[in-house]
Amino acid sequence: MKSEAMTVSESDFVSVRFPTCDENPNQDEEWCFVDMKNGDTRKIRFHDYQEVFSVEGLYEHLFYEKLECDSPRTVVDLLSTQVDSEGFQLSDLNVLDVGAGNGMVGEALTRVGVETVVGLDIIDEAREATHRDRPGIYDRYYIEDLTSLENGDVEKYQNYGLNCLTIVAALGFGDIPPLAFANAFNLIEDGGWIVFNIKDEFLQSEKDSSGFSRLVKYMCEKGNLEKQTQEKYRHRLSIEGVPLYYHAIVAKKKRDIQLSELDKIQ
C-alpha cells in the first residue's frame, strides 16, 4: 500500500519576487528572483526545472500559490468524470504519468482512487523532489529519454499493463517533443485513456510552432486517437497576472502510431 501523500511544509527560501513589468518575457522565458534563507538571491527561469525542483517548496509556492495553477486538479477531474460516465472504475487504471515532476499529478490521481501510477521524467532532480516531497505516490519513478527508447525499456513498461497516459503542463515548449509523445502513446494498451493539456495556441495550426496541432489532428484523422472530451480553462496566471488558457483533453487510444509517420506529419 502506498504511503500517505506529504504536503510540503518546509522551504529553503524566504520569498519569491517577479521582475518589473518592462522586463516581462514570453511564457517559456519567465523567471523570478528567489531570496534564500541563507541570504543569497537566485534568479531562476521557470523552465529550468533542475533549479526549481532543487529548492524545497519552490515549485508549489511559485506555480500554485502565486500563479494559481490549477491544471493537475482540472485535468484529473476531467478524466475522473469521463471514466465514470462510461461506467469504468478509476481503480482499474494503470497510469503512466509523463513529465511527472515532483508528483503533483500523481498525488491528484491517487486522491481520486487510482491505485497504480508510474512516474516518468527526464531529469534526476524531479525524481529526487518527488521522493522528498511526496514519498510513495508512485509505484515506480523512471528517468527516461522518451525520444530514444530501447526494446528493453518498452518491455519494462509493458509489465505494468498501462492503460492510461497523463501528460500535464509539459507539452508545447520543447520539454516533450512530438517523438517523445508518440513513444509514450505507444506504451499504452489499445483502448486506453490518453489525457493531456496543452496551451491554446499549440492547438491552433496557424500559431503552432511545436508540431502538436498537426500531430493531434493527424492521429485523430488516421484513427490512432479518438477524443472523448475537451475543455478550455485557465491554466495559471502569467507573472503579469494575465490568464494563460490551456485545453484539457481526454481521449481513447485506438492503435499505435508508426514513428516513421512523424516526419510526414511535421
C-alpha atoms as a PDB file:
ATOM      1  CA  MET A   1       0.000   0.000   0.000  1.00  0.00           C
ATOM      2  CA  LYS A   2       1.205   3.477  -0.831  1.00  0.00           C
ATOM      3  CA  SER A   3       2.141   5.846   1.946  1.00  0.00           C
ATOM      4  CA  GLU A   4       0.011   8.930   2.531  1.00  0.00           C
ATOM      5  CA  ALA A   5       0.951  11.960   0.423  1.00  0.00           C
ATOM      6  CA  MET A   6       3.027  14.545   2.242  1.00  0.00           C
ATOM      7  CA  THR A   7       2.086  18.184   1.990  1.00  0.00           C
ATOM      8  CA  VAL A   8       5.212  20.282   1.617  1.00  0.00           C
ATOM      9  CA  SER A   9       5.589  22.467   4.694  1.00  0.00           C
ATOM     10  CA  GLU A  10       9.303  23.203   4.679  1.00  0.00           C
ATOM     11  CA  SER A  11      11.096  25.521   2.296  1.00  0.00           C
ATOM     12  CA  ASP A  12      14.635  26.636   1.535  1.00  0.00           C
ATOM     13  CA  PHE A  13      13.605  30.197   0.638  1.00  0.00           C
ATOM     14  CA  VAL A  14      12.141  33.314   2.229  1.00  0.00           C
ATOM     15  CA  SER A  15      10.348  34.953  -0.688  1.00  0.00           C
ATOM     16  CA  VAL A  16       9.823  34.951  -4.454  1.00  0.00           C
ATOM     17  CA  ARG A  17       9.819  38.186  -6.477  1.00  0.00           C
ATOM     18  CA  PHE A  18       8.892  38.757 -10.119  1.00  0.00           C
ATOM     19  CA  PRO A  19      10.724  41.186 -12.429  1.00  0.00           C
ATOM     20  CA  THR A  20       9.219  44.582 -13.180  1.00  0.00           C
ATOM     21  CA  CYS A  21       6.658  44.780 -15.986  1.00  0.00           C
ATOM     22  CA  ASP A  22       9.011  46.186 -18.625  1.00  0.00           C
ATOM     23  CA  GLU A  23      11.192  43.078 -18.232  1.00  0.00           C
ATOM     24  CA  ASN A  24       8.393  40.518 -18.697  1.00  0.00           C
ATOM     25  CA  PRO A  25       9.386  37.718 -21.085  1.00  0.00           C
ATOM     26  CA  ASN A  26       7.268  35.213 -23.019  1.00  0.00           C
ATOM     27  CA  GLN A  27       5.824  32.309 -21.050  1.00  0.00           C
ATOM     28  CA  ASP A  28       8.692  29.918 -21.767  1.00  0.00           C
ATOM     29  CA  GLU A  29      11.226  32.540 -20.684  1.00  0.00           C
ATOM     30  CA  GLU A  30       9.533  33.683 -17.471  1.00  0.00           C
ATOM     31  CA  TRP A  31      11.765  33.925 -14.415  1.00  0.00           C
ATOM     32  CA  CYS A  32      11.828  35.161 -10.829  1.00  0.00           C
ATOM     33  CA  PHE A  33      14.142  36.170  -8.002  1.00  0.00           C
ATOM     34  CA  VAL A  34      14.250  33.721  -5.110  1.00  0.00           C
ATOM     35  CA  ASP A  35      15.506  35.047  -1.772  1.00  0.00           C
ATOM     36  CA  MET A  36      17.090  32.112   0.018  1.00  0.00           C
ATOM     37  CA  LYS A  37      17.204  31.517   3.763  1.00  0.00           C
ATOM     38  CA  ASN A  38      20.999  31.634   3.660  1.00  0.00           C
ATOM     39  CA  GLY A  39      20.865  35.250   2.428  1.00  0.00           C
ATOM     40  CA  ASP A  40      21.565  34.526  -1.249  1.00  0.00           C
ATOM     41  CA  THR A  41      19.276  35.675  -4.058  1.00  0.00           C
ATOM     42  CA  ARG A  42      18.919  33.413  -7.091  1.00  0.00           C
ATOM     43  CA  LYS A  43      17.478  34.248 -10.490  1.00  0.00           C
ATOM     44  CA  ILE A  44      15.603  31.155 -11.671  1.00  0.00           C
ATOM     45  CA  ARG A  45      13.923  30.626 -15.034  1.00  0.00           C
ATOM     46  CA  PHE A  46      10.666  28.705 -14.670  1.00  0.00           C
ATOM     47  CA  HIS A  47      11.579  26.116 -17.306  1.00  0.00           C
ATOM     48  CA  ASP A  48      14.935  25.360 -15.672  1.00  0.00           C
ATOM     49  CA  TYR A  49      13.274  22.592 -13.718  1.00  0.00           C
ATOM     50  CA  GLN A  50      16.535  21.278 -12.283  1.00  0.00           C
ATOM     51  CA  GLU A  51      16.883  24.519 -10.349  1.00  0.00           C
ATOM     52  CA  VAL A  52      13.207  24.848  -9.445  1.00  0.00           C
ATOM     53  CA  PHE A  53      12.952  21.327  -8.031  1.00  0.00           C
ATOM     54  CA  SER A  54      16.212  21.636  -6.116  1.00  0.00           C
ATOM     55  CA  VAL A  55      14.721  24.366  -3.890  1.00  0.00           C
ATOM     56  CA  GLU A  56      12.345  22.699  -1.454  1.00  0.00           C
ATOM     57  CA  GLY A  57       8.838  24.153  -1.575  1.00  0.00           C
ATOM     58  CA  LEU A  58       9.554  26.479  -4.511  1.00  0.00           C
ATOM     59  CA  TYR A  59       7.535  24.695  -7.195  1.00  0.00           C
ATOM     60  CA  GLU A  60       4.310  24.705  -5.153  1.00  0.00           C
ATOM     61  CA  HIS A  61       4.758  28.275  -3.896  1.00  0.00           C
ATOM     62  CA  LEU A  62       5.625  29.675  -7.305  1.00  0.00           C
ATOM     63  CA  PHE A  63       3.096  27.947  -9.540  1.00  0.00           C
ATOM     64  CA  TYR A  64       0.247  27.037  -7.224  1.00  0.00           C
ATOM     65  CA  GLU A  65       0.220  29.823  -4.647  1.00  0.00           C
ATOM     66  CA  LYS A  66       1.483  32.879  -6.537  1.00  0.00           C
ATOM     67  CA  LEU A  67       0.420  31.972 -10.099  1.00  0.00           C
ATOM     68  CA  GLU A  68      -2.699  29.970  -9.168  1.00  0.00           C
ATOM     69  CA  CYS A  69      -2.032  26.938 -11.391  1.00  0.00           C
ATOM     70  CA  ASP A  70      -4.983  24.541 -11.383  1.00  0.00           C
ATOM     71  CA  SER A  71      -4.024  22.047 -14.065  1.00  0.00           C
ATOM     72  CA  PRO A  72      -3.499  18.836 -12.049  1.00  0.00           C
ATOM     73  CA  ARG A  73      -6.925  19.130 -10.437  1.00  0.00           C
ATOM     74  CA  THR A  74      -8.674  20.244 -13.652  1.00  0.00           C
ATOM     75  CA  VAL A  75      -7.176  17.545 -15.860  1.00  0.00           C
ATOM     76  CA  VAL A  76      -7.611  14.720 -13.340  1.00  0.00           C
ATOM     77  CA  ASP A  77     -11.202  15.772 -12.574  1.00  0.00           C
ATOM     78  CA  LEU A  78     -11.986  15.740 -16.309  1.00  0.00           C
ATOM     79  CA  LEU A  79     -10.543  12.218 -16.578  1.00  0.00           C
ATOM     80  CA  SER A  80     -12.485  11.107 -13.491  1.00  0.00           C
ATOM     81  CA  THR A  81     -15.769  12.451 -14.862  1.00  0.00           C
ATOM     82  CA  GLN A  82     -15.254  10.806 -18.251  1.00  0.00           C
ATOM     83  CA  VAL A  83     -14.227   7.445 -16.805  1.00  0.00           C
ATOM     84  CA  ASP A  84     -17.264   7.465 -14.521  1.00  0.00           C
ATOM     85  CA  SER A  85     -19.624   8.454 -17.345  1.00  0.00           C
ATOM     86  CA  GLU A  86     -18.540   5.411 -19.348  1.00  0.00           C
ATOM     87  CA  GLY A  87     -19.046   3.010 -16.442  1.00  0.00           C
ATOM     88  CA  PHE A  88     -15.382   2.333 -15.674  1.00  0.00           C
ATOM     89  CA  GLN A  89     -13.586   2.406 -12.324  1.00  0.00           C
ATOM     90  CA  LEU A  90     -10.607   4.686 -11.641  1.00  0.00           C
ATOM     91  CA  SER A  91      -9.101   1.914  -9.522  1.00  0.00           C
ATOM     92  CA  ASP A  92      -8.737  -0.150 -12.717  1.00  0.00           C
ATOM     93  CA  LEU A  93      -6.397   2.399 -14.303  1.00  0.00           C
ATOM     94  CA  ASN A  94      -2.678   1.718 -14.548  1.00  0.00           C
ATOM     95  CA  VAL A  95      -1.333   5.190 -15.278  1.00  0.00           C
ATOM     96  CA  LEU A  96       1.903   6.343 -16.856  1.00  0.00           C
ATOM     97  CA  ASP A  97       2.436   9.943 -15.720  1.00  0.00           C
ATOM     98  CA  VAL A  98       4.924  11.531 -18.138  1.00  0.00           C
ATOM     99  CA  GLY A  99       6.672  14.741 -17.146  1.00  0.00           C
ATOM    100  CA  ALA A 100       5.841  13.717 -13.593  1.00  0.00           C
ATOM    101  CA  GLY A 101       7.922  16.446 -11.964  1.00  0.00           C
ATOM    102  CA  ASN A 102       7.623  16.367  -8.185  1.00  0.00           C
ATOM    103  CA  GLY A 103       4.430  14.343  -8.124  1.00  0.00           C
ATOM    104  CA  MET A 104       1.592  16.885  -8.245  1.00  0.00           C
ATOM    105  CA  VAL A 105      -0.377  14.929 -10.856  1.00  0.00           C
ATOM    106  CA  GLY A 106       0.436  11.594  -9.241  1.00  0.00           C
ATOM    107  CA  GLU A 107      -0.961  12.922  -5.984  1.00  0.00           C
ATOM    108  CA  ALA A 108      -4.136  14.143  -7.727  1.00  0.00           C
ATOM    109  CA  LEU A 109      -4.597  10.725  -9.349  1.00  0.00           C
ATOM    110  CA  THR A 110      -4.274   8.812  -6.087  1.00  0.00           C
ATOM    111  CA  ARG A 111      -6.763  11.182  -4.430  1.00  0.00           C
ATOM    112  CA  VAL A 112      -9.491  10.201  -6.909  1.00  0.00           C
ATOM    113  CA  GLY A 113      -8.843   6.493  -6.425  1.00  0.00           C
ATOM    114  CA  VAL A 114      -6.182   5.482  -8.966  1.00  0.00           C
ATOM    115  CA  GLU A 115      -4.093   2.736  -7.374  1.00  0.00           C
ATOM    116  CA  THR A 116      -1.247   2.202  -9.863  1.00  0.00           C
ATOM    117  CA  VAL A 117       0.761   5.200 -11.077  1.00  0.00           C
ATOM    118  CA  VAL A 118       4.186   5.005 -12.732  1.00  0.00           C
ATOM    119  CA  GLY A 119       6.093   8.288 -12.923  1.00  0.00           C
ATOM    120  CA  LEU A 120       8.471   9.241 -15.715  1.00  0.00           C
ATOM    121  CA  ASP A 121      10.620  12.328 -16.198  1.00  0.00           C
ATOM    122  CA  ILE A 122      13.900  13.142 -17.918  1.00  0.00           C
ATOM    123  CA  ILE A 123      15.743  14.805 -15.036  1.00  0.00           C
ATOM    124  CA  ASP A 124      17.010  13.261 -11.808  1.00  0.00           C
ATOM    125  CA  GLU A 125      16.020  16.357  -9.828  1.00  0.00           C
ATOM    126  CA  ALA A 126      12.343  15.646 -10.497  1.00  0.00           C
ATOM    127  CA  ARG A 127      12.523  12.149  -9.032  1.00  0.00           C
ATOM    128  CA  GLU A 128      14.569  13.375  -6.097  1.00  0.00           C
ATOM    129  CA  ALA A 129      11.983  16.104  -5.425  1.00  0.00           C
ATOM    130  CA  THR A 130       9.162  13.540  -5.515  1.00  0.00           C
ATOM    131  CA  HIS A 131      10.937  11.275  -3.029  1.00  0.00           C
ATOM    132  CA  ARG A 132      11.473  14.327  -0.822  1.00  0.00           C
ATOM    133  CA  ASP A 133       8.021  15.932  -1.126  1.00  0.00           C
ATOM    134  CA  ARG A 134       5.615  13.047  -1.876  1.00  0.00           C
ATOM    135  CA  PRO A 135       7.225   9.732  -0.991  1.00  0.00           C
ATOM    136  CA  GLY A 136       5.202   6.700  -2.002  1.00  0.00           C
ATOM    137  CA  ILE A 137       2.968   8.447  -4.551  1.00  0.00           C
ATOM    138  CA  TYR A 138       4.375   6.439  -7.469  1.00  0.00           C
ATOM    139  CA  ASP A 139       4.737   2.685  -7.693  1.00  0.00           C
ATOM    140  CA  ARG A 140       7.933   3.345  -9.627  1.00  0.00           C
ATOM    141  CA  TYR A 141       9.585   6.501 -10.941  1.00  0.00           C
ATOM    142  CA  TYR A 142      11.758   6.220 -14.050  1.00  0.00           C
ATOM    143  CA  ILE A 143      14.224   8.693 -15.505  1.00  0.00           C
ATOM    144  CA  GLU A 144      13.959   8.211 -19.250  1.00  0.00           C
ATOM    145  CA  ASP A 145      14.539   9.997 -22.549  1.00  0.00           C
ATOM    146  CA  LEU A 146      11.405   9.098 -24.480  1.00  0.00           C
ATOM    147  CA  THR A 147      12.970  10.071 -27.785  1.00  0.00           C
ATOM    148  CA  SER A 148      15.340   7.076 -27.606  1.00  0.00           C
ATOM    149  CA  LEU A 149      13.514   4.090 -26.114  1.00  0.00           C
ATOM    150  CA  GLU A 150      15.155   0.680 -26.498  1.00  0.00           C
ATOM    151  CA  ASN A 151      13.257  -2.607 -26.681  1.00  0.00           C
ATOM    152  CA  GLY A 152      14.149  -3.425 -23.086  1.00  0.00           C
ATOM    153  CA  ASP A 153      12.771  -0.097 -21.948  1.00  0.00           C
ATOM    154  CA  VAL A 154       9.485  -0.777 -23.707  1.00  0.00           C
ATOM    155  CA  GLU A 155       9.188  -4.204 -22.063  1.00  0.00           C
ATOM    156  CA  LYS A 156       9.583  -2.882 -18.522  1.00  0.00           C
ATOM    157  CA  TYR A 157       6.644  -0.521 -19.044  1.00  0.00           C
ATOM    158  CA  GLN A 158       4.533  -3.219 -20.661  1.00  0.00           C
ATOM    159  CA  ASN A 159       4.816  -5.226 -17.434  1.00  0.00           C
ATOM    160  CA  TYR A 160       2.537  -2.687 -15.736  1.00  0.00           C
ATOM    161  CA  GLY A 161      -0.328  -3.186 -18.195  1.00  0.00           C
ATOM    162  CA  LEU A 162      -0.526   0.562 -18.737  1.00  0.00           C
ATOM    163  CA  ASN A 163      -3.987   1.675 -19.847  1.00  0.00           C
ATOM    164  CA  CYS A 164      -3.795   5.416 -19.185  1.00  0.00           C
ATOM    165  CA  LEU A 165      -1.311   8.151 -20.109  1.00  0.00           C
ATOM    166  CA  THR A 166      -1.249  11.538 -18.373  1.00  0.00           C
ATOM    167  CA  ILE A 167       0.904  14.456 -19.515  1.00  0.00           C
ATOM    168  CA  VAL A 168       0.142  17.689 -17.687  1.00  0.00           C
ATOM    169  CA  ALA A 169       1.824  21.075 -18.258  1.00  0.00           C
ATOM    170  CA  ALA A 170       4.633  19.514 -20.257  1.00  0.00           C
ATOM    171  CA  LEU A 171       3.684  19.788 -23.950  1.00  0.00           C
ATOM    172  CA  GLY A 172       4.331  22.521 -26.469  1.00  0.00           C
ATOM    173  CA  PHE A 173       7.525  24.237 -25.364  1.00  0.00           C
ATOM    174  CA  GLY A 174      10.060  21.588 -26.341  1.00  0.00           C
ATOM    175  CA  ASP A 175      10.161  19.820 -22.971  1.00  0.00           C
ATOM    176  CA  ILE A 176       8.378  16.825 -24.517  1.00  0.00           C
ATOM    177  CA  PRO A 177       8.685  16.847 -28.324  1.00  0.00           C
ATOM    178  CA  PRO A 178       6.234  15.027 -30.625  1.00  0.00           C
ATOM    179  CA  LEU A 179       8.514  11.958 -30.865  1.00  0.00           C
ATOM    180  CA  ALA A 180       8.516  11.593 -27.073  1.00  0.00           C
ATOM    181  CA  PHE A 181       4.718  11.940 -27.012  1.00  0.00           C
ATOM    182  CA  ALA A 182       4.381   9.276 -29.723  1.00  0.00           C
ATOM    183  CA  ASN A 183       6.634   6.839 -27.865  1.00  0.00           C
ATOM    184  CA  ALA A 184       4.709   7.385 -24.628  1.00  0.00           C
ATOM    185  CA  PHE A 185       1.420   6.938 -26.518  1.00  0.00           C
ATOM    186  CA  ASN A 186       2.632   3.607 -27.908  1.00  0.00           C
ATOM    187  CA  LEU A 187       3.350   2.305 -24.380  1.00  0.00           C
ATOM    188  CA  ILE A 188      -0.376   2.415 -23.602  1.00  0.00           C
ATOM    189  CA  GLU A 189      -2.641  -0.514 -24.402  1.00  0.00           C
ATOM    190  CA  ASP A 190      -5.155  -0.125 -27.225  1.00  0.00           C
ATOM    191  CA  GLY A 191      -8.399   1.189 -25.786  1.00  0.00           C
ATOM    192  CA  GLY A 192      -6.544   3.013 -23.018  1.00  0.00           C
ATOM    193  CA  TRP A 193      -7.075   6.611 -21.919  1.00  0.00           C
ATOM    194  CA  ILE A 194      -4.872   9.435 -23.222  1.00  0.00           C
ATOM    195  CA  VAL A 195      -5.060  12.545 -21.047  1.00  0.00           C
ATOM    196  CA  PHE A 196      -3.099  15.740 -21.582  1.00  0.00           C
ATOM    197  CA  ASN A 197      -3.260  19.503 -21.574  1.00  0.00           C
ATOM    198  CA  ILE A 198      -1.705  21.982 -23.937  1.00  0.00           C
ATOM    199  CA  LYS A 199      -1.650  25.734 -24.380  1.00  0.00           C
ATOM    200  CA  ASP A 200      -4.388  27.221 -26.547  1.00  0.00           C
ATOM    201  CA  GLU A 201      -2.039  28.394 -29.297  1.00  0.00           C
ATOM    202  CA  PHE A 202      -0.445  24.964 -29.729  1.00  0.00           C
ATOM    203  CA  LEU A 203      -3.783  23.536 -30.886  1.00  0.00           C
ATOM    204  CA  GLN A 204      -4.258  26.315 -33.431  1.00  0.00           C
ATOM    205  CA  SER A 205      -2.458  25.307 -36.623  1.00  0.00           C
ATOM    206  CA  GLU A 206      -1.794  28.888 -37.731  1.00  0.00           C
ATOM    207  CA  LYS A 207       0.007  29.672 -34.461  1.00  0.00           C
ATOM    208  CA  ASP A 208       1.556  26.304 -33.634  1.00  0.00           C
ATOM    209  CA  SER A 209       5.331  26.035 -33.779  1.00  0.00           C
ATOM    210  CA  SER A 210       5.560  22.886 -31.644  1.00  0.00           C
ATOM    211  CA  GLY A 211       4.078  20.376 -34.090  1.00  0.00           C
ATOM    212  CA  PHE A 212       1.329  19.220 -31.720  1.00  0.00           C
ATOM    213  CA  SER A 213      -1.561  20.751 -33.634  1.00  0.00           C
ATOM    214  CA  ARG A 214      -0.627  18.732 -36.708  1.00  0.00           C
ATOM    215  CA  LEU A 215       0.167  15.613 -34.679  1.00  0.00           C
ATOM    216  CA  VAL A 216      -3.134  15.542 -32.777  1.00  0.00           C
ATOM    217  CA  LYS A 217      -5.135  16.308 -35.922  1.00  0.00           C
ATOM    218  CA  TYR A 218      -3.320  13.565 -37.865  1.00  0.00           C
ATOM    219  CA  MET A 219      -3.770  10.970 -35.110  1.00  0.00           C
ATOM    220  CA  CYS A 220      -7.497  11.696 -34.923  1.00  0.00           C
ATOM    221  CA  GLU A 221      -7.928  11.569 -38.704  1.00  0.00           C
ATOM    222  CA  LYS A 222      -5.959   8.313 -39.060  1.00  0.00           C
ATOM    223  CA  GLY A 223      -7.740   6.549 -36.234  1.00  0.00           C
ATOM    224  CA  ASN A 224      -4.920   6.410 -33.677  1.00  0.00           C
ATOM    225  CA  LEU A 225      -6.715   8.710 -31.246  1.00  0.00           C
ATOM    226  CA  GLU A 226     -10.368   9.382 -30.525  1.00  0.00           C
ATOM    227  CA  LYS A 227     -11.250  12.464 -28.486  1.00  0.00           C
ATOM    228  CA  GLN A 228     -13.829  11.919 -25.764  1.00  0.00           C
ATOM    229  CA  THR A 229     -13.955  15.398 -24.258  1.00  0.00           C
ATOM    230  CA  GLN A 230     -12.079  18.696 -24.390  1.00  0.00           C
ATOM    231  CA  GLU A 231     -12.256  21.674 -22.051  1.00  0.00           C
ATOM    232  CA  LYS A 232     -10.679  25.105 -22.292  1.00  0.00           C
ATOM    233  CA  TYR A 233      -9.725  26.529 -18.906  1.00  0.00           C
ATOM    234  CA  ARG A 234      -7.340  28.904 -17.138  1.00  0.00           C
ATOM    235  CA  HIS A 235      -4.099  27.022 -16.598  1.00  0.00           C
ATOM    236  CA  ARG A 236      -2.457  29.736 -14.484  1.00  0.00           C
ATOM    237  CA  LEU A 237      -1.559  33.409 -14.445  1.00  0.00           C
ATOM    238  CA  SER A 238       1.493  34.912 -16.105  1.00  0.00           C
ATOM    239  CA  ILE A 239       3.872  36.912 -13.926  1.00  0.00           C
ATOM    240  CA  GLU A 240       1.912  39.985 -15.099  1.00  0.00           C
ATOM    241  CA  GLY A 241      -1.336  38.466 -13.826  1.00  0.00           C
ATOM    242  CA  VAL A 242      -2.632  37.686 -17.318  1.00  0.00           C
ATOM    243  CA  PRO A 243      -4.641  34.413 -17.606  1.00  0.00           C
ATOM    244  CA  LEU A 244      -2.952  31.673 -19.641  1.00  0.00           C
ATOM    245  CA  TYR A 245      -5.505  29.388 -21.261  1.00  0.00           C
ATOM    246  CA  TYR A 246      -4.979  25.707 -21.969  1.00  0.00           C
ATOM    247  CA  HIS A 247      -7.070  22.843 -23.306  1.00  0.00           C
ATOM    248  CA  ALA A 248      -7.536  19.681 -21.246  1.00  0.00           C
ATOM    249  CA  ILE A 249      -8.186  16.677 -23.466  1.00  0.00           C
ATOM    250  CA  VAL A 250      -9.362  13.176 -22.596  1.00  0.00           C
ATOM    251  CA  ALA A 251      -9.158  10.708 -25.467  1.00  0.00           C
ATOM    252  CA  LYS A 252      -9.015   6.986 -26.193  1.00  0.00           C
ATOM    253  CA  LYS A 253      -6.117   5.231 -27.860  1.00  0.00           C
ATOM    254  CA  LYS A 254      -7.282   3.117 -30.795  1.00  0.00           C
ATOM    255  CA  ARG A 255      -3.945   1.895 -32.137  1.00  0.00           C
ATOM    256  CA  ASP A 256      -0.205   2.680 -32.137  1.00  0.00           C
ATOM    257  CA  ILE A 257       1.207   5.418 -34.309  1.00  0.00           C
ATOM    258  CA  GLN A 258       4.098   4.407 -36.549  1.00  0.00           C
ATOM    259  CA  LEU A 259       7.138   6.526 -35.781  1.00  0.00           C
ATOM    260  CA  SER A 260       8.003   6.615 -39.493  1.00  0.00           C
ATOM    261  CA  GLU A 261       4.869   8.758 -39.957  1.00  0.00           C
ATOM    262  CA  LEU A 262       6.185  11.605 -37.796  1.00  0.00           C
ATOM    263  CA  ASP A 263       8.407  13.149 -40.454  1.00  0.00           C
ATOM    264  CA  LYS A 264       5.453  13.274 -42.838  1.00  0.00           C
ATOM    265  CA  ILE A 265       3.294  14.934 -40.188  1.00  0.00           C
ATOM    266  CA  GLN A 266       5.889  17.565 -39.326  1.00  0.00           C
END
